[in-house]
Amino acid sequence: MSYGLNNLIKKLLPKQLFYRALLIVAAPIILLQVTISIVFFDSLWIKTNKGMTRALINEIMFFINAYENEQYNKDSLTKLFSENHDVKVIFVSEKLIPKKVQERWFSPMDRTLRRELKSKKLIYWFDTTKFKESIDLKIQYTNGYFQFLVPKERVTNTSARIFALWITLPAFLLIIIALIFLKNQTRPIINLARASEKFGKGEDIGEYRPSGALEIRQAGYEFERMRKRIIRHLNQRSEMLSGISHDLRTPLTRMKLQLSFIKDKEISKKLSEDVSEMEKMLNEYLQFSSNRSNETSEEFDMSELILNTINKYEKKNITFNKSSKLIFTGRKNLIRRCLNNFIDNSIKYGKNIVVNLKKSASNLIITIDDDGPGIQEKEYENVFKPFYKIDKSRGDSKSSVGLGMSIASDIIQSHGGSIKLEKSHLNGLRVKISLPT
C-alpha cells in the first residue's frame, strides 16, 4: 500500500526542479495563510459578528416591546429609535411579510442573522442583497409588519477585509520574490544540462563557465575537466592513427614503385590488389578515428539532402519518396556520410532500393529498404560493433574492416538519434533511422 502511495505522490509532484522548489517555498506560506484565516474567521470574525447581530436583535426586540406599551407615543418612539440607533423603521399595516426568505447559505452574515432571529421566535423575512449598504429586515407584528433598514456595518466587521488584504498581499509578494530567486538558482543547472547535451552530440560548446551556488559550480567545474579529458583522449587517438597511417603509407608507396619493376604480371597484379586493400583499410581506420567532427550544427532541409545524396549515384533503381520540406538542425556533412554508408551497402548487396522520409510527433524517420539477402536477426546488434564483419548472408568484403556501420551509428547517436535494423518489405534489410527534431 505504501508503495502505491509513493507512486501516486511521485505522479502528482512536478517533474522540474524549479517547480518542486517553488512548491517547497509556496506550500508552507499558503498553509500558514489558510490556517491564520481559519483561526481569525472562527475565533474573531464570527464571534464578533454574532455579538453585533445579537445586540441589534435585542435593540429591535426592545423597540417592539416598547411599541406595544400604550404609554408611549408610537410616532415619537419610532423617530427616537431611528435617530439613536441609526435604523430606519417603517410600519406597514394590513400586509403580510413575504413567505420566502432571500438568504444566502454561504454568507456568515445571513447565517448569524437567521440564527438570532429564530432564537427570539419571531416571524421574519430579510434580504441582504437588495440594498448595497443596508439590510432589509421585516418582522411580523399583529395586523402588519415592521420594516427595518439596518446598515450592514451594524452586523459585520469591516476590518476583516483589511486583515485579509494584509495577509494575502505579503504572501503573494513572498512568492514572487521566491520565483525570481529560484529562477536565478535553477538557471545554472539548465545551462549545465544544455552544455552536456551539446557536448554529448559532439558539438563545440567553447569554454564553459560554471555559475550559481557552490555545489552547482563544483559540478560545472568537474564537467569542464571531464570534457577536456575526453577531447584530449579523442585528439590523441586521432593523432596516433593519423601517425600510423602516415608511417604505413610511405612503405606502401615504395611497394607500389617496386611492383612496377616486377616482370611477372600475374604476381604483380596480386600484390597490387593486396596493396590496394591495405590502403582502403587505412582509409577506413582514418575515417573511424576522425568521426568526431568540428563541424558546427546548422539548419537544413533533410529531404533535399537525401535527394542530392541519391542523385550522385545516378542509379535508376534507387527510389526516394520525397516528402515536403523538413527542417533539421545538425551537422550536415556527417549526416550525408551516414546516408552514403547505408546506401553504399544497399547498392552492394541489393538491386532495388527504396528510401522514405517522414515526420512523427518528435522525430524524423528515415528508412532505407533493399531487396538483398539481408542479415540474420541475431546479428542486428553485432553489425554496429567496430571491426565486426559478417561472413554469411551479406557476404564478406576483403576491402572492408567492418567500420562503416559503426561510424554511421556513432554519427546518429551523436545527434541524439537511434538506428534499428528490421526485415524489409522487399525481403531484404531495412535500416530505420530516428532523429529528434
Protein backbone atom coordinates (compact mmCIF):
# COMPACT_ATOMS: atom_id res chain seq x y z
CA MET A 1 0.00 0.00 0.00
CA SER A 2 2.84 2.40 0.88
CA TYR A 3 4.49 1.60 -2.46
CA GLY A 4 1.32 2.58 -4.34
CA LEU A 5 1.02 5.76 -2.27
CA ASN A 6 4.63 6.69 -3.06
CA ASN A 7 3.98 6.19 -6.78
CA LEU A 8 0.85 8.35 -6.56
CA ILE A 9 2.79 11.13 -4.82
CA LYS A 10 5.55 10.93 -7.45
CA LYS A 11 2.98 11.28 -10.22
CA LEU A 12 1.34 14.28 -8.55
CA LEU A 13 4.60 16.10 -7.83
CA PRO A 14 6.05 18.31 -10.60
CA LYS A 15 8.97 16.89 -12.53
CA GLN A 16 11.12 20.02 -12.89
CA LEU A 17 13.39 21.23 -10.10
CA PHE A 18 12.13 24.81 -10.39
CA TYR A 19 8.51 23.87 -9.71
CA ARG A 20 9.49 21.44 -6.92
CA ALA A 21 11.49 24.16 -5.18
CA LEU A 22 8.62 26.60 -5.69
CA LEU A 23 6.25 24.08 -4.12
CA ILE A 24 8.58 23.73 -1.11
CA VAL A 25 8.60 27.52 -0.65
CA ALA A 26 4.98 28.31 -1.52
CA ALA A 27 3.22 25.40 0.24
CA PRO A 28 4.17 26.44 3.81
CA ILE A 29 3.27 30.08 3.08
CA ILE A 30 -0.14 29.15 1.67
CA LEU A 31 -0.78 26.66 4.52
CA LEU A 32 0.12 29.32 7.09
CA GLN A 33 -2.16 31.89 5.45
CA VAL A 34 -5.06 29.43 5.33
CA THR A 35 -4.55 28.46 8.99
CA ILE A 36 -4.42 32.09 10.13
CA SER A 37 -7.51 32.91 8.07
CA ILE A 38 -9.49 29.98 9.54
CA VAL A 39 -8.47 30.84 13.10
CA PHE A 40 -9.28 34.52 12.56
CA PHE A 41 -12.56 33.73 10.83
CA ASP A 42 -13.66 31.31 13.55
CA SER A 43 -12.42 32.99 16.70
CA LEU A 44 -12.70 36.67 15.88
CA TRP A 45 -14.87 37.49 12.92
CA ILE A 46 -17.74 35.05 13.53
CA LYS A 47 -17.82 35.73 17.26
CA THR A 48 -17.72 39.48 16.68
CA ASN A 49 -20.49 39.28 14.09
CA LYS A 50 -22.54 37.11 16.40
CA GLY A 51 -22.24 39.64 19.22
CA MET A 52 -23.10 42.56 16.95
CA THR A 53 -26.09 40.76 15.45
CA ARG A 54 -27.34 39.73 18.88
CA ALA A 55 -27.11 43.35 20.10
CA LEU A 56 -29.07 44.54 17.05
CA ILE A 57 -31.85 41.96 17.53
CA ASN A 58 -32.08 42.86 21.23
CA GLU A 59 -32.48 46.51 20.29
CA ILE A 60 -35.23 45.60 17.82
CA MET A 61 -36.97 43.46 20.47
CA PHE A 62 -36.71 46.37 22.91
CA PHE A 63 -38.33 48.66 20.32
CA ILE A 64 -41.15 46.19 19.63
CA ASN A 65 -41.85 45.72 23.33
CA ALA A 66 -41.85 49.49 23.86
CA TYR A 67 -44.12 49.92 20.80
CA GLU A 68 -46.68 47.61 22.40
CA ASN A 69 -46.79 49.81 25.53
CA GLU A 70 -49.72 52.22 25.27
CA GLN A 71 -47.96 54.81 27.43
CA TYR A 72 -45.56 55.84 24.63
CA ASN A 73 -46.37 57.80 21.51
CA LYS A 74 -45.68 55.40 18.70
CA ASP A 75 -44.54 58.00 16.15
CA SER A 76 -42.18 59.65 18.65
CA LEU A 77 -40.85 56.27 19.72
CA THR A 78 -40.20 55.27 16.11
CA LYS A 79 -38.44 58.58 15.38
CA LEU A 80 -36.39 58.38 18.57
CA PHE A 81 -35.30 54.78 17.83
CA SER A 82 -34.30 55.63 14.24
CA GLU A 83 -32.23 58.66 15.31
CA ASN A 84 -30.40 56.99 18.17
CA HIS A 85 -29.82 53.54 16.68
CA ASP A 86 -29.27 54.53 13.03
CA VAL A 87 -32.02 52.14 11.92
CA LYS A 88 -34.86 53.31 9.71
CA VAL A 89 -38.20 51.88 10.87
CA ILE A 90 -41.40 51.73 8.81
CA PHE A 91 -44.66 50.15 9.94
CA VAL A 92 -46.75 48.67 7.13
CA SER A 93 -50.29 47.83 8.20
CA GLU A 94 -52.69 45.25 6.83
CA LYS A 95 -49.96 43.37 4.97
CA LEU A 96 -48.06 40.13 5.48
CA ILE A 97 -44.35 39.64 5.08
CA PRO A 98 -43.12 37.52 2.11
CA LYS A 99 -43.00 33.80 2.81
CA LYS A 100 -39.72 33.05 1.02
CA VAL A 101 -36.62 34.36 2.81
CA GLN A 102 -33.91 35.72 0.44
CA GLU A 103 -31.00 34.32 2.41
CA ARG A 104 -27.67 33.02 1.26
CA TRP A 105 -26.46 29.80 2.90
CA PHE A 106 -22.78 30.62 2.25
CA SER A 107 -22.94 34.10 3.83
CA PRO A 108 -21.84 34.27 7.50
CA MET A 109 -23.92 37.43 7.92
CA ASP A 110 -27.10 35.66 6.74
CA ARG A 111 -26.47 32.61 8.90
CA THR A 112 -25.83 34.67 12.04
CA LEU A 113 -28.87 36.88 11.43
CA ARG A 114 -31.14 33.90 10.83
CA ARG A 115 -29.89 32.11 13.96
CA GLU A 116 -30.54 35.11 16.22
CA LEU A 117 -33.99 35.80 14.79
CA LYS A 118 -35.04 32.17 15.26
CA SER A 119 -33.84 32.23 18.86
CA LYS A 120 -36.33 35.07 19.55
CA LYS A 121 -39.16 33.08 17.92
CA LEU A 122 -40.02 35.88 15.52
CA ILE A 123 -41.81 35.66 12.18
CA TYR A 124 -39.31 37.37 9.91
CA TRP A 125 -38.06 37.99 6.39
CA PHE A 126 -34.81 39.64 5.36
CA ASP A 127 -32.74 40.34 2.28
CA THR A 128 -29.05 41.29 2.47
CA THR A 129 -28.57 41.78 -1.28
CA LYS A 130 -31.40 44.19 -2.15
CA PHE A 131 -29.52 47.28 -0.97
CA LYS A 132 -25.80 47.83 -1.22
CA GLU A 133 -25.20 49.15 2.30
CA SER A 134 -28.35 48.13 4.15
CA ILE A 135 -30.23 45.01 5.23
CA ASP A 136 -33.96 44.86 4.53
CA LEU A 137 -35.47 43.18 7.61
CA LYS A 138 -39.23 42.63 8.04
CA ILE A 139 -40.80 41.32 11.27
CA GLN A 140 -44.49 40.38 11.53
CA TYR A 141 -46.50 42.41 14.08
CA THR A 142 -50.23 41.91 14.74
CA ASN A 143 -52.05 43.37 11.72
CA GLY A 144 -48.95 44.31 9.71
CA TYR A 145 -45.18 44.23 9.90
CA PHE A 146 -42.18 46.38 10.79
CA GLN A 147 -39.61 47.07 8.09
CA PHE A 148 -36.14 47.80 9.44
CA LEU A 149 -33.43 49.15 7.15
CA VAL A 150 -30.26 48.26 9.05
CA PRO A 151 -26.78 49.39 7.94
CA LYS A 152 -24.64 46.35 7.20
CA GLU A 153 -21.85 47.73 9.34
CA ARG A 154 -24.10 47.07 12.37
CA VAL A 155 -23.77 43.29 11.89
CA THR A 156 -20.42 42.83 10.19
CA ASN A 157 -16.83 43.79 10.96
CA THR A 158 -15.24 45.77 8.13
CA SER A 159 -11.74 45.14 9.47
CA ALA A 160 -11.96 41.57 8.17
CA ARG A 161 -11.38 42.76 4.61
CA ILE A 162 -8.36 44.79 5.66
CA PHE A 163 -6.99 41.82 7.58
CA ALA A 164 -7.50 39.51 4.59
CA LEU A 165 -5.74 42.06 2.36
CA TRP A 166 -2.77 42.36 4.71
CA ILE A 167 -2.23 38.61 5.00
CA THR A 168 -2.75 37.98 1.26
CA LEU A 169 -0.54 40.69 -0.26
CA PRO A 170 2.63 39.75 1.71
CA ALA A 171 2.09 36.08 0.77
CA PHE A 172 1.94 36.96 -2.94
CA LEU A 173 4.93 39.26 -2.54
CA LEU A 174 6.98 36.49 -0.91
CA ILE A 175 6.02 34.00 -3.62
CA ILE A 176 7.01 36.48 -6.37
CA ILE A 177 10.38 37.08 -4.68
CA ALA A 178 10.82 33.31 -4.36
CA LEU A 179 10.07 32.93 -8.10
CA ILE A 180 12.79 35.41 -9.01
CA PHE A 181 15.41 33.81 -6.74
CA LEU A 182 14.51 30.25 -7.76
CA LYS A 183 14.76 31.20 -11.42
CA ASN A 184 18.27 32.51 -10.84
CA GLN A 185 19.24 29.40 -8.87
CA THR A 186 17.95 26.91 -11.45
CA ARG A 187 19.37 28.74 -14.49
CA PRO A 188 22.96 27.42 -13.94
CA ILE A 189 21.61 23.86 -13.74
CA ILE A 190 19.74 24.35 -17.03
CA ASN A 191 22.88 25.81 -18.65
CA LEU A 192 24.92 22.82 -17.43
CA ALA A 193 22.32 20.40 -18.82
CA ARG A 194 22.33 22.19 -22.21
CA ALA A 195 26.13 22.17 -22.35
CA SER A 196 26.16 18.44 -21.52
CA GLU A 197 23.58 17.75 -24.21
CA LYS A 198 25.55 19.69 -26.85
CA PHE A 199 28.82 18.04 -25.87
CA GLY A 200 27.15 14.61 -25.94
CA LYS A 201 26.08 15.33 -29.52
CA GLY A 202 29.63 16.25 -30.48
CA GLU A 203 29.02 19.99 -30.82
CA ASP A 204 31.65 22.56 -29.84
CA ILE A 205 30.44 24.45 -26.76
CA GLY A 206 33.55 26.58 -26.31
CA GLU A 207 34.74 27.37 -22.80
CA TYR A 208 32.05 26.50 -20.26
CA ARG A 209 31.85 28.91 -17.32
CA PRO A 210 30.24 27.47 -14.17
CA SER A 211 27.92 29.74 -12.18
CA GLY A 212 25.38 29.56 -9.39
CA ALA A 213 25.64 28.02 -5.93
CA LEU A 214 28.82 26.31 -4.69
CA GLU A 215 27.54 22.78 -5.38
CA ILE A 216 26.41 23.70 -8.90
CA ARG A 217 29.75 25.41 -9.59
CA GLN A 218 31.58 22.30 -8.42
CA ALA A 219 29.50 20.13 -10.77
CA GLY A 220 30.25 22.59 -13.59
CA TYR A 221 34.00 22.53 -12.90
CA GLU A 222 34.00 18.71 -12.89
CA PHE A 223 32.07 18.66 -16.16
CA GLU A 224 34.58 21.04 -17.74
CA ARG A 225 37.51 18.88 -16.57
CA MET A 226 35.81 15.75 -17.90
CA ARG A 227 35.10 17.45 -21.24
CA LYS A 228 38.73 18.48 -21.64
CA ARG A 229 39.96 14.96 -20.76
CA ILE A 230 37.61 13.40 -23.32
CA ILE A 231 38.64 15.87 -26.03
CA ARG A 232 42.32 15.27 -25.23
CA HIS A 233 41.78 11.50 -25.42
CA LEU A 234 39.98 11.74 -28.77
CA ASN A 235 42.66 14.02 -30.18
CA GLN A 236 45.37 11.62 -29.04
CA ARG A 237 43.55 8.73 -30.69
CA SER A 238 43.18 10.61 -33.95
CA GLU A 239 46.80 11.76 -33.90
CA MET A 240 48.02 8.24 -33.16
CA LEU A 241 46.02 6.67 -36.01
CA SER A 242 47.00 9.51 -38.33
CA GLY A 243 50.66 8.95 -37.46
CA ILE A 244 50.34 5.20 -38.04
CA SER A 245 48.61 5.84 -41.36
CA HIS A 246 51.32 8.28 -42.42
CA ASP A 247 54.06 5.84 -41.46
CA LEU A 248 52.39 2.98 -43.34
CA ARG A 249 51.71 5.00 -46.49
CA THR A 250 55.41 5.52 -47.09
CA PRO A 251 56.32 1.80 -47.34
CA LEU A 252 53.15 1.18 -49.34
CA THR A 253 54.23 3.80 -51.87
CA ARG A 254 57.64 2.17 -52.12
CA MET A 255 55.99 -1.21 -52.62
CA LYS A 256 53.91 0.22 -55.48
CA LEU A 257 57.07 1.50 -57.15
CA GLN A 258 58.81 -1.84 -56.72
CA LEU A 259 55.80 -3.70 -58.10
CA SER A 260 56.09 -1.76 -61.33
CA PHE A 261 59.50 -3.39 -61.89
CA ILE A 262 58.26 -6.95 -61.49
CA LYS A 263 58.10 -8.64 -64.86
CA ASP A 264 55.65 -11.36 -63.84
CA LYS A 265 52.32 -9.62 -64.43
CA GLU A 266 50.26 -12.17 -62.51
CA ILE A 267 52.32 -11.84 -59.35
CA SER A 268 52.40 -8.06 -59.78
CA LYS A 269 48.60 -7.94 -60.09
CA LYS A 270 48.04 -10.00 -56.92
CA LEU A 271 50.47 -7.93 -54.93
CA SER A 272 48.91 -4.72 -56.24
CA GLU A 273 45.50 -5.89 -55.08
CA ASP A 274 46.90 -6.57 -51.60
CA VAL A 275 48.46 -3.12 -51.50
CA SER A 276 45.18 -1.50 -52.61
CA GLU A 277 43.34 -3.45 -49.93
CA MET A 278 45.75 -2.18 -47.31
CA GLU A 279 45.20 1.41 -48.49
CA LYS A 280 41.42 1.04 -48.22
CA MET A 281 41.81 -0.40 -44.74
CA LEU A 282 43.95 2.58 -43.74
CA ASN A 283 41.33 4.97 -45.12
CA GLU A 284 38.64 3.26 -43.03
CA TYR A 285 40.80 3.50 -39.92
CA LEU A 286 41.26 7.21 -40.53
CA GLN A 287 37.56 7.72 -41.15
CA PHE A 288 36.73 5.93 -37.89
CA SER A 289 39.26 7.94 -35.89
CA SER A 290 38.15 11.26 -37.36
CA ASN A 291 34.45 10.61 -36.81
CA ARG A 292 34.33 13.35 -34.17
CA SER A 293 33.95 16.36 -36.40
CA ASN A 294 34.45 20.03 -35.53
CA GLU A 295 31.62 20.89 -37.87
CA THR A 296 29.02 23.17 -36.28
CA SER A 297 25.30 22.44 -36.35
CA GLU A 298 23.13 24.17 -38.92
CA GLU A 299 19.55 24.12 -40.14
CA PHE A 300 18.97 22.33 -43.45
CA ASP A 301 16.26 20.58 -45.41
CA MET A 302 16.61 16.83 -44.77
CA SER A 303 14.51 15.97 -47.82
CA GLU A 304 16.79 17.98 -50.09
CA LEU A 305 19.92 16.43 -48.54
CA ILE A 306 18.67 12.88 -49.18
CA LEU A 307 17.66 13.76 -52.73
CA ASN A 308 21.07 15.26 -53.53
CA THR A 309 22.84 12.25 -51.98
CA ILE A 310 20.80 9.80 -54.10
CA ASN A 311 21.25 11.82 -57.32
CA LYS A 312 25.03 11.48 -57.06
CA TYR A 313 24.73 7.72 -57.52
CA GLU A 314 22.98 8.18 -60.90
CA LYS A 315 21.17 4.86 -60.50
CA LYS A 316 17.58 4.35 -61.58
CA ASN A 317 16.98 1.54 -59.10
CA ILE A 318 17.02 3.95 -56.11
CA THR A 319 13.55 5.30 -55.34
CA PHE A 320 13.03 8.19 -52.97
CA ASN A 321 9.52 9.03 -51.79
CA LYS A 322 10.14 12.75 -51.50
CA SER A 323 8.19 14.50 -48.78
CA SER A 324 7.61 18.16 -48.06
CA LYS A 325 10.31 20.42 -46.67
CA LEU A 326 11.52 19.04 -43.32
CA ILE A 327 13.97 21.25 -41.45
CA PHE A 328 16.54 19.53 -39.23
CA THR A 329 19.30 21.04 -37.09
CA GLY A 330 22.54 19.06 -37.13
CA ARG A 331 25.89 18.54 -38.80
CA LYS A 332 25.05 18.24 -42.44
CA ASN A 333 28.23 16.58 -43.72
CA LEU A 334 28.15 13.89 -41.05
CA ILE A 335 24.53 13.04 -41.85
CA ARG A 336 25.48 12.85 -45.54
CA ARG A 337 28.36 10.47 -44.71
CA CYS A 338 25.99 8.27 -42.70
CA LEU A 339 23.48 8.08 -45.56
CA ASN A 340 26.28 7.29 -48.01
CA ASN A 341 27.42 4.34 -45.87
CA PHE A 342 23.94 2.78 -45.75
CA ILE A 343 23.16 3.42 -49.43
CA ASP A 344 26.56 2.00 -50.42
CA ASN A 345 25.78 -1.20 -48.54
CA SER A 346 22.31 -1.43 -50.11
CA ILE A 347 23.76 -0.95 -53.62
CA LYS A 348 26.45 -3.52 -52.89
CA TYR A 349 24.08 -6.27 -51.78
CA GLY A 350 20.74 -5.39 -53.43
CA LYS A 351 19.32 -4.38 -56.78
CA ASN A 352 16.35 -2.23 -55.80
CA ILE A 353 16.45 0.40 -53.03
CA VAL A 354 13.60 2.45 -51.57
CA VAL A 355 14.27 5.45 -49.32
CA ASN A 356 11.47 7.04 -47.26
CA LEU A 357 11.40 10.16 -45.11
CA LYS A 358 8.56 11.11 -42.79
CA LYS A 359 7.99 13.15 -39.63
CA SER A 360 6.42 11.81 -36.46
CA ALA A 361 5.44 13.77 -33.37
CA SER A 362 9.02 14.46 -32.26
CA ASN A 363 11.30 12.63 -34.73
CA LEU A 364 12.38 12.46 -38.34
CA ILE A 365 12.17 8.86 -39.56
CA ILE A 366 14.42 7.77 -42.45
CA THR A 367 14.05 4.20 -43.79
CA ILE A 368 16.29 2.55 -46.38
CA ASP A 369 14.96 -0.75 -47.80
CA ASP A 370 16.76 -3.09 -50.18
CA ASP A 371 15.99 -6.47 -51.75
CA GLY A 372 19.35 -8.02 -50.86
CA PRO A 373 19.92 -11.21 -48.87
CA GLY A 374 19.55 -9.36 -45.56
CA ILE A 375 21.16 -10.45 -42.33
CA GLN A 376 20.02 -12.69 -39.52
CA GLU A 377 18.12 -11.08 -36.66
CA LYS A 378 20.68 -12.22 -34.10
CA GLU A 379 23.32 -10.15 -35.92
CA TYR A 380 21.34 -6.87 -35.78
CA GLU A 381 23.26 -5.60 -32.74
CA ASN A 382 26.66 -7.05 -33.69
CA VAL A 383 26.98 -5.23 -37.01
CA PHE A 384 27.30 -1.89 -35.21
CA LYS A 385 30.36 -3.05 -33.29
CA PRO A 386 33.70 -1.70 -34.60
CA PHE A 387 35.71 -4.14 -36.76
CA TYR A 388 32.86 -6.70 -36.77
CA LYS A 389 32.22 -8.47 -40.10
CA ILE A 390 29.58 -10.98 -41.10
CA ASP A 391 30.83 -13.94 -43.10
CA LYS A 392 27.35 -15.17 -44.00
CA SER A 393 24.31 -13.85 -45.81
CA ARG A 394 25.53 -10.46 -46.96
CA GLY A 395 28.99 -11.72 -47.86
CA ASP A 396 32.40 -10.59 -46.79
CA SER A 397 34.45 -7.92 -48.46
CA LYS A 398 38.19 -8.15 -48.27
CA SER A 399 38.46 -4.41 -48.71
CA SER A 400 36.38 -3.67 -45.60
CA VAL A 401 37.38 -3.90 -41.96
CA GLY A 402 33.82 -3.54 -40.58
CA LEU A 403 33.78 0.11 -39.58
CA GLY A 404 31.10 1.57 -41.88
CA MET A 405 28.09 0.64 -39.73
CA SER A 406 29.90 1.64 -36.54
CA ILE A 407 30.73 5.06 -37.98
CA ALA A 408 27.13 5.58 -39.12
CA SER A 409 25.76 4.54 -35.72
CA ASP A 410 28.17 6.90 -33.96
CA ILE A 411 27.01 9.80 -36.15
CA ILE A 412 23.33 9.18 -35.47
CA GLN A 413 23.85 8.73 -31.72
CA SER A 414 25.88 11.95 -31.58
CA HIS A 415 22.72 13.70 -32.87
CA GLY A 416 20.63 12.11 -30.13
CA GLY A 417 19.03 9.62 -32.52
CA SER A 418 18.91 5.85 -32.90
CA ILE A 419 19.26 3.16 -35.61
CA LYS A 420 17.28 -0.07 -35.86
CA LEU A 421 17.58 -2.91 -38.35
CA GLU A 422 14.42 -4.70 -39.47
CA LYS A 423 13.10 -7.02 -42.15
CA SER A 424 12.39 -5.04 -45.31
CA HIS A 425 9.13 -5.24 -47.24
CA LEU A 426 11.40 -6.01 -50.24
CA ASN A 427 12.54 -9.16 -48.38
CA GLY A 428 15.94 -7.62 -47.74
CA LEU A 429 17.20 -5.37 -44.96
CA ARG A 430 15.57 -2.22 -43.62
CA VAL A 431 17.63 0.47 -41.89
CA LYS A 432 15.41 2.71 -39.73
CA ILE A 433 16.98 5.99 -38.56
CA SER A 434 15.22 8.17 -35.96
CA LEU A 435 16.48 11.72 -35.43
CA PRO A 436 14.94 14.05 -32.82
CA THR A 437 13.57 17.30 -34.21
